[in-house]
């Protein structure tokens, strides 16, 4: 699975934080500098153009200095998952995810497909990844009213989960 480029113009230094994104910036810096310590998983949510992808790139840039990071779009992730199921290589795919220190997924709303089995498998796989100690950071275009429900469910399963708005 291909990951994002090793170096990108998207850094914490180039992120322009306004009043609606200070918490997201602080959380992103914290997880980049100290993964698997404070928060796992981390969900960054907000509208298109709010800076979620910028923050994911910045996290990846910092973490790649001394950690193995897989940074992909959810579309690529889901396609790879489906391919591994079709080719009977799901166990290999699962192992590859546990071999990284961090999994960063952009555009998680792609998972909201009509295929219930695919959705269930993605959720199960992400839970498995986080449970195994891999730092999981996800970005999504969730609406604020839906994010509260997601946060409640995440906190039930993952007490250290962090859900933060990027506005």
N, C-alpha and C. Protein backbone atom coordinates (compact mmCIF):
# COMPACT_ATOMS: atom_id res chain seq x y z
N UNK A 1 0.86 -1.17 0.00
CA UNK A 1 0.00 0.00 0.00
C UNK A 1 0.90 1.23 0.00
N UNK A 2 0.66 2.15 -0.90
CA UNK A 2 1.47 3.36 -0.97
C UNK A 2 1.06 4.32 0.13
N UNK A 3 2.04 5.03 0.63
CA UNK A 3 1.73 6.03 1.64
C UNK A 3 2.03 7.40 1.06
N UNK A 4 1.65 8.42 1.82
CA UNK A 4 1.86 9.80 1.37
C UNK A 4 3.36 10.07 1.27
N UNK A 5 3.73 11.10 0.51
CA UNK A 5 5.15 11.43 0.36
C UNK A 5 5.81 11.69 1.71
N UNK A 6 7.11 11.38 1.79
CA UNK A 6 7.85 11.51 3.04
C UNK A 6 7.94 12.96 3.51
N UNK A 7 8.00 13.90 2.62
CA UNK A 7 8.10 15.29 3.02
C UNK A 7 7.03 16.10 2.29
N UNK A 8 6.39 16.98 2.99
CA UNK A 8 5.28 17.73 2.41
C UNK A 8 5.32 19.16 2.89
N UNK A 9 4.73 20.07 2.15
CA UNK A 9 4.69 21.46 2.61
C UNK A 9 3.72 21.67 3.76
N UNK A 10 2.98 20.62 4.10
CA UNK A 10 2.02 20.71 5.18
C UNK A 10 2.70 20.37 6.50
N UNK A 11 3.05 21.38 7.25
CA UNK A 11 3.70 21.17 8.54
C UNK A 11 2.93 21.93 9.60
N UNK A 12 3.29 21.69 10.84
CA UNK A 12 2.65 22.45 11.92
C UNK A 12 2.97 23.94 11.79
N UNK A 13 4.16 24.24 11.29
CA UNK A 13 4.56 25.63 11.12
C UNK A 13 3.78 26.38 10.06
N UNK A 14 3.26 25.65 9.08
CA UNK A 14 2.50 26.32 8.01
C UNK A 14 0.99 26.24 8.23
N UNK A 15 0.57 25.58 9.30
CA UNK A 15 -0.86 25.50 9.60
C UNK A 15 -1.32 26.81 10.22
N UNK A 16 -2.35 27.41 9.65
CA UNK A 16 -2.87 28.67 10.17
C UNK A 16 -4.05 28.35 11.08
N UNK A 17 -3.81 28.49 12.38
CA UNK A 17 -4.84 28.15 13.37
C UNK A 17 -5.67 29.38 13.69
N UNK A 18 -6.98 29.21 13.65
CA UNK A 18 -7.86 30.28 14.11
C UNK A 18 -8.55 29.78 15.38
N UNK A 19 -9.51 30.51 15.86
CA UNK A 19 -10.14 30.17 17.14
C UNK A 19 -10.79 28.79 17.13
N UNK A 20 -11.20 28.29 15.98
CA UNK A 20 -11.86 27.00 15.90
C UNK A 20 -10.93 25.82 15.68
N UNK A 21 -9.63 26.08 15.63
CA UNK A 21 -8.72 24.97 15.34
C UNK A 21 -7.54 24.86 16.31
N UNK A 22 -7.49 25.69 17.34
CA UNK A 22 -6.37 25.61 18.30
C UNK A 22 -6.31 24.26 19.00
N UNK A 23 -7.47 23.74 19.42
CA UNK A 23 -7.49 22.45 20.10
C UNK A 23 -7.02 21.33 19.17
N UNK A 24 -7.44 21.36 17.92
CA UNK A 24 -7.02 20.35 16.95
C UNK A 24 -5.52 20.41 16.71
N UNK A 25 -4.98 21.62 16.61
CA UNK A 25 -3.55 21.78 16.41
C UNK A 25 -2.78 21.25 17.61
N UNK A 26 -3.21 21.58 18.81
CA UNK A 26 -2.54 21.10 20.02
C UNK A 26 -2.60 19.58 20.13
N UNK A 27 -3.76 19.00 19.85
CA UNK A 27 -3.91 17.55 19.91
C UNK A 27 -3.03 16.87 18.87
N UNK A 28 -2.98 17.43 17.67
CA UNK A 28 -2.17 16.86 16.59
C UNK A 28 -0.69 16.90 16.94
N UNK A 29 -0.24 18.01 17.49
CA UNK A 29 1.17 18.10 17.92
C UNK A 29 1.47 17.07 19.01
N UNK A 30 0.56 16.96 19.97
CA UNK A 30 0.78 16.03 21.08
C UNK A 30 0.89 14.59 20.59
N UNK A 31 0.01 14.19 19.70
CA UNK A 31 0.04 12.82 19.21
C UNK A 31 1.26 12.58 18.31
N UNK A 32 1.67 13.58 17.57
CA UNK A 32 2.84 13.43 16.70
C UNK A 32 4.11 13.26 17.53
N UNK A 33 4.21 13.99 18.62
CA UNK A 33 5.41 13.95 19.45
C UNK A 33 5.41 12.80 20.45
N UNK A 34 4.22 12.31 20.81
CA UNK A 34 4.14 11.27 21.82
C UNK A 34 3.02 10.28 21.50
N UNK A 35 3.15 9.55 20.39
CA UNK A 35 2.07 8.63 20.00
C UNK A 35 1.87 7.53 21.02
N UNK A 36 0.63 7.05 21.07
CA UNK A 36 0.23 5.94 21.93
C UNK A 36 0.35 6.26 23.42
N UNK A 37 0.54 7.51 23.75
CA UNK A 37 0.67 7.86 25.15
C UNK A 37 -0.60 8.49 25.68
N UNK A 38 -0.99 9.58 25.09
CA UNK A 38 -2.15 10.35 25.58
C UNK A 38 -3.46 9.88 24.99
N UNK A 39 -3.54 9.83 23.66
CA UNK A 39 -4.82 9.58 23.00
C UNK A 39 -4.68 8.55 21.88
N UNK A 40 -5.57 7.57 21.90
CA UNK A 40 -5.62 6.60 20.82
C UNK A 40 -7.00 5.94 20.85
N UNK A 41 -7.75 6.06 19.80
CA UNK A 41 -7.51 6.78 18.55
C UNK A 41 -7.81 8.28 18.67
N UNK A 42 -7.39 9.02 17.65
CA UNK A 42 -7.70 10.45 17.53
C UNK A 42 -8.55 10.62 16.28
N UNK A 43 -9.66 11.32 16.43
CA UNK A 43 -10.53 11.63 15.29
C UNK A 43 -10.59 13.13 15.11
N UNK A 44 -10.11 13.62 13.97
CA UNK A 44 -10.20 15.03 13.60
C UNK A 44 -11.39 15.16 12.66
N UNK A 45 -12.32 16.04 12.98
CA UNK A 45 -13.48 16.18 12.11
C UNK A 45 -13.77 17.65 11.83
N UNK A 46 -14.38 17.89 10.68
CA UNK A 46 -14.74 19.25 10.29
C UNK A 46 -15.08 19.29 8.82
N UNK A 47 -15.50 20.46 8.37
CA UNK A 47 -15.90 20.59 6.96
C UNK A 47 -14.70 20.55 6.01
N UNK A 48 -15.00 20.38 4.74
CA UNK A 48 -13.97 20.42 3.71
C UNK A 48 -13.23 21.75 3.79
N UNK A 49 -11.91 21.69 3.67
CA UNK A 49 -11.10 22.90 3.66
C UNK A 49 -10.74 23.42 5.04
N UNK A 50 -11.07 22.69 6.09
CA UNK A 50 -10.80 23.18 7.44
C UNK A 50 -9.37 22.91 7.91
N UNK A 51 -8.64 22.03 7.24
CA UNK A 51 -7.26 21.78 7.62
C UNK A 51 -6.99 20.38 8.15
N UNK A 52 -7.95 19.49 8.07
CA UNK A 52 -7.77 18.12 8.58
C UNK A 52 -6.62 17.41 7.87
N UNK A 53 -6.61 17.48 6.56
CA UNK A 53 -5.56 16.82 5.79
C UNK A 53 -4.21 17.45 6.08
N UNK A 54 -4.17 18.77 6.22
CA UNK A 54 -2.93 19.47 6.56
C UNK A 54 -2.38 18.92 7.87
N UNK A 55 -3.24 18.78 8.88
CA UNK A 55 -2.79 18.27 10.18
C UNK A 55 -2.31 16.82 10.08
N UNK A 56 -3.00 15.98 9.30
CA UNK A 56 -2.54 14.60 9.12
C UNK A 56 -1.15 14.56 8.50
N UNK A 57 -0.92 15.39 7.49
CA UNK A 57 0.41 15.44 6.86
C UNK A 57 1.46 15.91 7.86
N UNK A 58 1.12 16.90 8.68
CA UNK A 58 2.06 17.41 9.67
C UNK A 58 2.39 16.33 10.71
N UNK A 59 1.38 15.61 11.16
CA UNK A 59 1.61 14.51 12.10
C UNK A 59 2.54 13.48 11.47
N UNK A 60 2.25 13.08 10.25
CA UNK A 60 3.07 12.08 9.55
C UNK A 60 4.50 12.56 9.40
N UNK A 61 4.67 13.83 9.06
CA UNK A 61 6.01 14.39 8.86
C UNK A 61 6.84 14.30 10.13
N UNK A 62 6.25 14.62 11.27
CA UNK A 62 6.98 14.54 12.54
C UNK A 62 7.24 13.10 12.92
N UNK A 63 6.24 12.25 12.80
CA UNK A 63 6.37 10.86 13.24
C UNK A 63 7.37 10.07 12.39
N UNK A 64 7.45 10.40 11.11
CA UNK A 64 8.34 9.63 10.22
C UNK A 64 9.81 9.80 10.57
N UNK A 65 10.13 10.76 11.38
CA UNK A 65 11.54 10.97 11.74
C UNK A 65 12.11 9.77 12.48
N UNK A 66 11.27 9.07 13.25
CA UNK A 66 11.79 7.91 13.98
C UNK A 66 10.75 6.80 14.17
N UNK A 67 9.71 6.82 13.33
CA UNK A 67 8.68 5.79 13.44
C UNK A 67 8.21 5.38 12.04
N UNK A 68 7.63 4.20 11.99
CA UNK A 68 7.07 3.70 10.73
C UNK A 68 5.60 4.13 10.67
N UNK A 69 5.26 4.90 9.64
CA UNK A 69 3.93 5.50 9.52
C UNK A 69 3.29 5.08 8.20
N UNK A 70 2.04 4.69 8.27
CA UNK A 70 1.24 4.45 7.08
C UNK A 70 0.19 5.55 7.02
N UNK A 71 0.26 6.38 6.00
CA UNK A 71 -0.63 7.52 5.83
C UNK A 71 -1.30 7.39 4.48
N UNK A 72 -2.59 7.06 4.48
CA UNK A 72 -3.32 6.83 3.24
C UNK A 72 -4.72 7.42 3.34
N UNK A 73 -5.35 7.56 2.19
CA UNK A 73 -6.76 7.94 2.21
C UNK A 73 -7.58 6.70 2.56
N UNK A 74 -8.74 6.93 3.09
CA UNK A 74 -9.62 5.80 3.43
C UNK A 74 -10.05 5.05 2.18
N UNK A 75 -10.14 5.76 1.07
CA UNK A 75 -10.51 5.10 -0.19
C UNK A 75 -9.47 4.04 -0.56
N UNK A 76 -8.20 4.39 -0.46
CA UNK A 76 -7.13 3.44 -0.75
C UNK A 76 -7.16 2.30 0.27
N UNK A 77 -7.36 2.65 1.53
CA UNK A 77 -7.42 1.66 2.60
C UNK A 77 -8.54 0.64 2.36
N UNK A 78 -9.72 1.13 2.06
CA UNK A 78 -10.87 0.25 1.83
C UNK A 78 -10.65 -0.61 0.58
N UNK A 79 -10.11 -0.01 -0.47
CA UNK A 79 -9.85 -0.77 -1.69
C UNK A 79 -8.85 -1.91 -1.41
N UNK A 80 -7.80 -1.59 -0.63
CA UNK A 80 -6.81 -2.62 -0.28
C UNK A 80 -7.44 -3.71 0.59
N UNK A 81 -8.31 -3.32 1.50
CA UNK A 81 -9.01 -4.28 2.35
C UNK A 81 -9.86 -5.21 1.50
N UNK A 82 -10.65 -4.66 0.59
CA UNK A 82 -11.51 -5.48 -0.27
C UNK A 82 -10.67 -6.41 -1.14
N UNK A 83 -9.57 -5.88 -1.69
CA UNK A 83 -8.69 -6.73 -2.50
C UNK A 83 -8.12 -7.88 -1.67
N UNK A 84 -7.77 -7.60 -0.42
CA UNK A 84 -7.20 -8.66 0.43
C UNK A 84 -8.25 -9.72 0.76
N UNK A 85 -9.49 -9.30 0.91
CA UNK A 85 -10.57 -10.26 1.16
C UNK A 85 -10.79 -11.13 -0.08
N UNK A 86 -10.86 -10.48 -1.24
CA UNK A 86 -11.09 -11.22 -2.49
C UNK A 86 -9.97 -12.21 -2.80
N UNK A 87 -8.73 -11.84 -2.47
CA UNK A 87 -7.59 -12.71 -2.77
C UNK A 87 -7.23 -13.62 -1.60
N UNK A 88 -8.08 -13.65 -0.59
CA UNK A 88 -7.89 -14.50 0.59
C UNK A 88 -6.57 -14.18 1.29
N UNK A 89 -6.24 -12.89 1.38
CA UNK A 89 -5.01 -12.44 2.04
C UNK A 89 -5.30 -11.46 3.17
N UNK A 90 -6.47 -11.58 3.78
CA UNK A 90 -6.86 -10.67 4.86
C UNK A 90 -5.89 -10.76 6.04
N UNK A 91 -5.44 -11.95 6.38
CA UNK A 91 -4.51 -12.11 7.50
C UNK A 91 -3.21 -11.36 7.24
N UNK A 92 -2.73 -11.40 6.01
CA UNK A 92 -1.52 -10.68 5.64
C UNK A 92 -1.74 -9.18 5.74
N UNK A 93 -2.88 -8.71 5.29
CA UNK A 93 -3.21 -7.28 5.38
C UNK A 93 -3.25 -6.84 6.84
N UNK A 94 -3.90 -7.63 7.68
CA UNK A 94 -3.98 -7.31 9.12
C UNK A 94 -2.59 -7.22 9.73
N UNK A 95 -1.73 -8.18 9.42
CA UNK A 95 -0.36 -8.17 9.96
C UNK A 95 0.40 -6.93 9.52
N UNK A 96 0.21 -6.53 8.26
CA UNK A 96 0.92 -5.35 7.75
C UNK A 96 0.53 -4.09 8.53
N UNK A 97 -0.71 -4.04 9.00
CA UNK A 97 -1.16 -2.87 9.76
C UNK A 97 -0.59 -2.88 11.17
N UNK A 98 -0.36 -4.03 11.73
CA UNK A 98 0.22 -4.11 13.07
C UNK A 98 1.72 -3.88 13.05
N UNK A 99 2.33 -3.88 11.85
CA UNK A 99 3.77 -3.67 11.72
C UNK A 99 4.16 -2.20 11.66
N UNK A 100 3.20 -1.30 11.71
CA UNK A 100 3.50 0.13 11.70
C UNK A 100 3.31 0.70 13.10
N UNK A 101 3.91 1.86 13.34
CA UNK A 101 3.74 2.55 14.62
C UNK A 101 2.49 3.41 14.62
N UNK A 102 2.12 3.89 13.41
CA UNK A 102 0.96 4.78 13.31
C UNK A 102 0.25 4.56 11.98
N UNK A 103 -1.08 4.61 12.05
CA UNK A 103 -1.93 4.54 10.86
C UNK A 103 -2.73 5.83 10.81
N UNK A 104 -2.52 6.60 9.75
CA UNK A 104 -3.23 7.86 9.56
C UNK A 104 -4.15 7.71 8.36
N UNK A 105 -5.45 7.90 8.58
CA UNK A 105 -6.45 7.74 7.51
C UNK A 105 -7.17 9.05 7.26
N UNK A 106 -7.21 9.45 6.03
CA UNK A 106 -7.91 10.67 5.64
C UNK A 106 -9.25 10.32 5.00
N UNK A 107 -10.22 11.16 5.17
CA UNK A 107 -11.55 11.01 4.55
C UNK A 107 -12.26 9.74 4.99
N UNK A 108 -12.37 9.53 6.27
CA UNK A 108 -13.00 8.31 6.78
C UNK A 108 -14.46 8.18 6.35
N UNK A 109 -15.09 9.28 5.97
CA UNK A 109 -16.50 9.18 5.56
C UNK A 109 -16.68 8.27 4.35
N UNK A 110 -15.61 7.96 3.64
CA UNK A 110 -15.67 7.01 2.53
C UNK A 110 -16.19 5.67 3.03
N UNK A 111 -15.94 5.36 4.29
CA UNK A 111 -16.36 4.09 4.87
C UNK A 111 -17.88 4.00 4.96
N UNK A 112 -18.58 5.10 4.88
CA UNK A 112 -20.04 5.09 4.95
C UNK A 112 -20.62 4.62 3.62
N UNK A 113 -20.20 3.43 3.21
CA UNK A 113 -20.69 2.85 1.97
C UNK A 113 -21.97 2.08 2.26
N UNK A 114 -22.76 1.80 1.22
CA UNK A 114 -23.97 1.02 1.43
C UNK A 114 -23.67 -0.43 1.82
N UNK A 115 -22.45 -0.87 1.64
CA UNK A 115 -22.10 -2.25 1.95
C UNK A 115 -21.82 -2.42 3.43
N UNK A 116 -22.78 -2.97 4.12
CA UNK A 116 -22.69 -3.14 5.58
C UNK A 116 -21.49 -4.00 5.98
N UNK A 117 -21.22 -5.06 5.23
CA UNK A 117 -20.09 -5.95 5.58
C UNK A 117 -18.76 -5.21 5.49
N UNK A 118 -18.60 -4.39 4.46
CA UNK A 118 -17.37 -3.62 4.31
C UNK A 118 -17.20 -2.66 5.48
N UNK A 119 -18.27 -1.95 5.82
CA UNK A 119 -18.23 -1.02 6.95
C UNK A 119 -17.85 -1.75 8.23
N UNK A 120 -18.49 -2.86 8.47
CA UNK A 120 -18.23 -3.63 9.70
C UNK A 120 -16.79 -4.11 9.74
N UNK A 121 -16.27 -4.56 8.61
CA UNK A 121 -14.89 -5.05 8.57
C UNK A 121 -13.90 -3.92 8.81
N UNK A 122 -14.15 -2.74 8.23
CA UNK A 122 -13.26 -1.60 8.45
C UNK A 122 -13.26 -1.22 9.93
N UNK A 123 -14.42 -1.12 10.53
CA UNK A 123 -14.51 -0.75 11.95
C UNK A 123 -13.81 -1.80 12.81
N UNK A 124 -14.03 -3.05 12.53
CA UNK A 124 -13.38 -4.12 13.29
C UNK A 124 -11.86 -4.05 13.14
N UNK A 125 -11.41 -3.81 11.92
CA UNK A 125 -9.98 -3.73 11.64
C UNK A 125 -9.33 -2.53 12.33
N UNK A 126 -9.99 -1.38 12.31
CA UNK A 126 -9.45 -0.19 12.97
C UNK A 126 -9.39 -0.39 14.48
N UNK A 127 -10.39 -1.04 15.05
CA UNK A 127 -10.38 -1.34 16.48
C UNK A 127 -9.23 -2.28 16.82
N UNK A 128 -9.02 -3.26 15.98
CA UNK A 128 -7.92 -4.21 16.18
C UNK A 128 -6.57 -3.49 16.13
N UNK A 129 -6.43 -2.58 15.19
CA UNK A 129 -5.19 -1.81 15.05
C UNK A 129 -4.94 -0.98 16.31
N UNK A 130 -5.94 -0.24 16.76
CA UNK A 130 -5.78 0.59 17.95
C UNK A 130 -5.51 -0.28 19.18
N UNK A 131 -6.21 -1.40 19.30
CA UNK A 131 -6.01 -2.31 20.44
C UNK A 131 -4.60 -2.88 20.47
N UNK A 132 -3.99 -3.03 19.31
CA UNK A 132 -2.65 -3.61 19.24
C UNK A 132 -1.56 -2.61 19.59
N UNK A 133 -1.94 -1.35 19.83
CA UNK A 133 -0.96 -0.35 20.23
C UNK A 133 -0.51 0.56 19.11
N UNK A 134 -1.02 0.35 17.91
CA UNK A 134 -0.70 1.25 16.79
C UNK A 134 -1.48 2.55 17.00
N UNK A 135 -0.80 3.68 16.87
CA UNK A 135 -1.48 4.97 16.99
C UNK A 135 -2.37 5.16 15.78
N UNK A 136 -3.64 5.44 16.02
CA UNK A 136 -4.61 5.62 14.95
C UNK A 136 -5.08 7.07 14.96
N UNK A 137 -4.93 7.75 13.82
CA UNK A 137 -5.42 9.12 13.67
C UNK A 137 -6.25 9.14 12.39
N UNK A 138 -7.49 9.61 12.53
CA UNK A 138 -8.44 9.58 11.43
C UNK A 138 -9.02 10.97 11.23
N UNK A 139 -9.22 11.35 9.97
CA UNK A 139 -9.86 12.62 9.64
C UNK A 139 -11.16 12.33 8.89
N UNK A 140 -12.18 13.13 9.18
CA UNK A 140 -13.48 12.91 8.55
C UNK A 140 -14.26 14.21 8.45
N UNK A 141 -15.16 14.26 7.47
CA UNK A 141 -16.04 15.42 7.32
C UNK A 141 -17.31 15.26 8.13
N UNK A 142 -17.23 14.72 9.30
CA UNK A 142 -18.42 14.56 10.14
C UNK A 142 -19.02 15.91 10.48
N UNK A 143 -20.32 15.94 10.62
CA UNK A 143 -20.99 17.13 11.12
C UNK A 143 -20.95 17.10 12.63
N UNK A 144 -20.97 18.26 13.24
CA UNK A 144 -20.85 18.40 14.69
C UNK A 144 -21.87 17.54 15.44
N UNK A 145 -23.11 17.53 14.99
CA UNK A 145 -24.15 16.78 15.71
C UNK A 145 -23.90 15.27 15.66
N UNK A 146 -23.31 14.79 14.59
CA UNK A 146 -23.00 13.37 14.47
C UNK A 146 -21.73 13.02 15.25
N UNK A 147 -20.80 13.96 15.33
CA UNK A 147 -19.53 13.73 16.01
C UNK A 147 -19.74 13.40 17.48
N UNK A 148 -20.72 14.00 18.13
CA UNK A 148 -20.99 13.73 19.54
C UNK A 148 -21.37 12.26 19.75
N UNK A 149 -22.16 11.71 18.84
CA UNK A 149 -22.53 10.29 18.95
C UNK A 149 -21.32 9.39 18.71
N UNK A 150 -20.49 9.75 17.74
CA UNK A 150 -19.29 8.97 17.45
C UNK A 150 -18.36 9.00 18.66
N UNK A 151 -18.21 10.18 19.26
CA UNK A 151 -17.34 10.29 20.42
C UNK A 151 -17.81 9.39 21.56
N UNK A 152 -19.10 9.37 21.80
CA UNK A 152 -19.65 8.53 22.87
C UNK A 152 -19.32 7.06 22.63
N UNK A 153 -19.51 6.60 21.40
CA UNK A 153 -19.22 5.21 21.08
C UNK A 153 -17.73 4.90 21.18
N UNK A 154 -16.89 5.85 20.72
CA UNK A 154 -15.45 5.64 20.81
C UNK A 154 -14.99 5.55 22.27
N UNK A 155 -15.51 6.45 23.09
CA UNK A 155 -15.10 6.47 24.49
C UNK A 155 -15.53 5.20 25.24
N UNK A 156 -16.62 4.59 24.82
CA UNK A 156 -17.03 3.33 25.44
C UNK A 156 -16.01 2.24 25.18
N UNK A 157 -15.50 2.22 23.97
CA UNK A 157 -14.52 1.18 23.60
C UNK A 157 -13.09 1.59 23.91
N UNK A 158 -12.79 2.88 23.71
CA UNK A 158 -11.43 3.38 23.90
C UNK A 158 -11.45 4.57 24.86
N UNK A 159 -11.18 4.36 26.12
CA UNK A 159 -11.26 5.45 27.10
C UNK A 159 -10.32 6.62 26.77
N UNK A 160 -9.23 6.35 26.04
CA UNK A 160 -8.28 7.43 25.71
C UNK A 160 -8.56 8.07 24.36
N UNK A 161 -9.69 7.77 23.75
CA UNK A 161 -10.03 8.35 22.44
C UNK A 161 -10.18 9.86 22.57
N UNK A 162 -9.82 10.54 21.52
CA UNK A 162 -9.97 11.99 21.45
C UNK A 162 -10.68 12.35 20.17
N UNK A 163 -11.77 13.08 20.27
CA UNK A 163 -12.51 13.55 19.11
C UNK A 163 -12.44 15.07 19.15
N UNK A 164 -11.89 15.67 18.10
CA UNK A 164 -11.67 17.12 18.13
C UNK A 164 -12.07 17.76 16.80
N UNK A 165 -12.72 18.90 16.90
CA UNK A 165 -13.18 19.63 15.72
C UNK A 165 -12.05 20.46 15.12
N UNK A 166 -12.04 20.52 13.80
CA UNK A 166 -11.15 21.42 13.06
C UNK A 166 -12.08 22.34 12.28
N UNK A 167 -12.17 23.58 12.70
CA UNK A 167 -13.12 24.50 12.08
C UNK A 167 -12.43 25.69 11.44
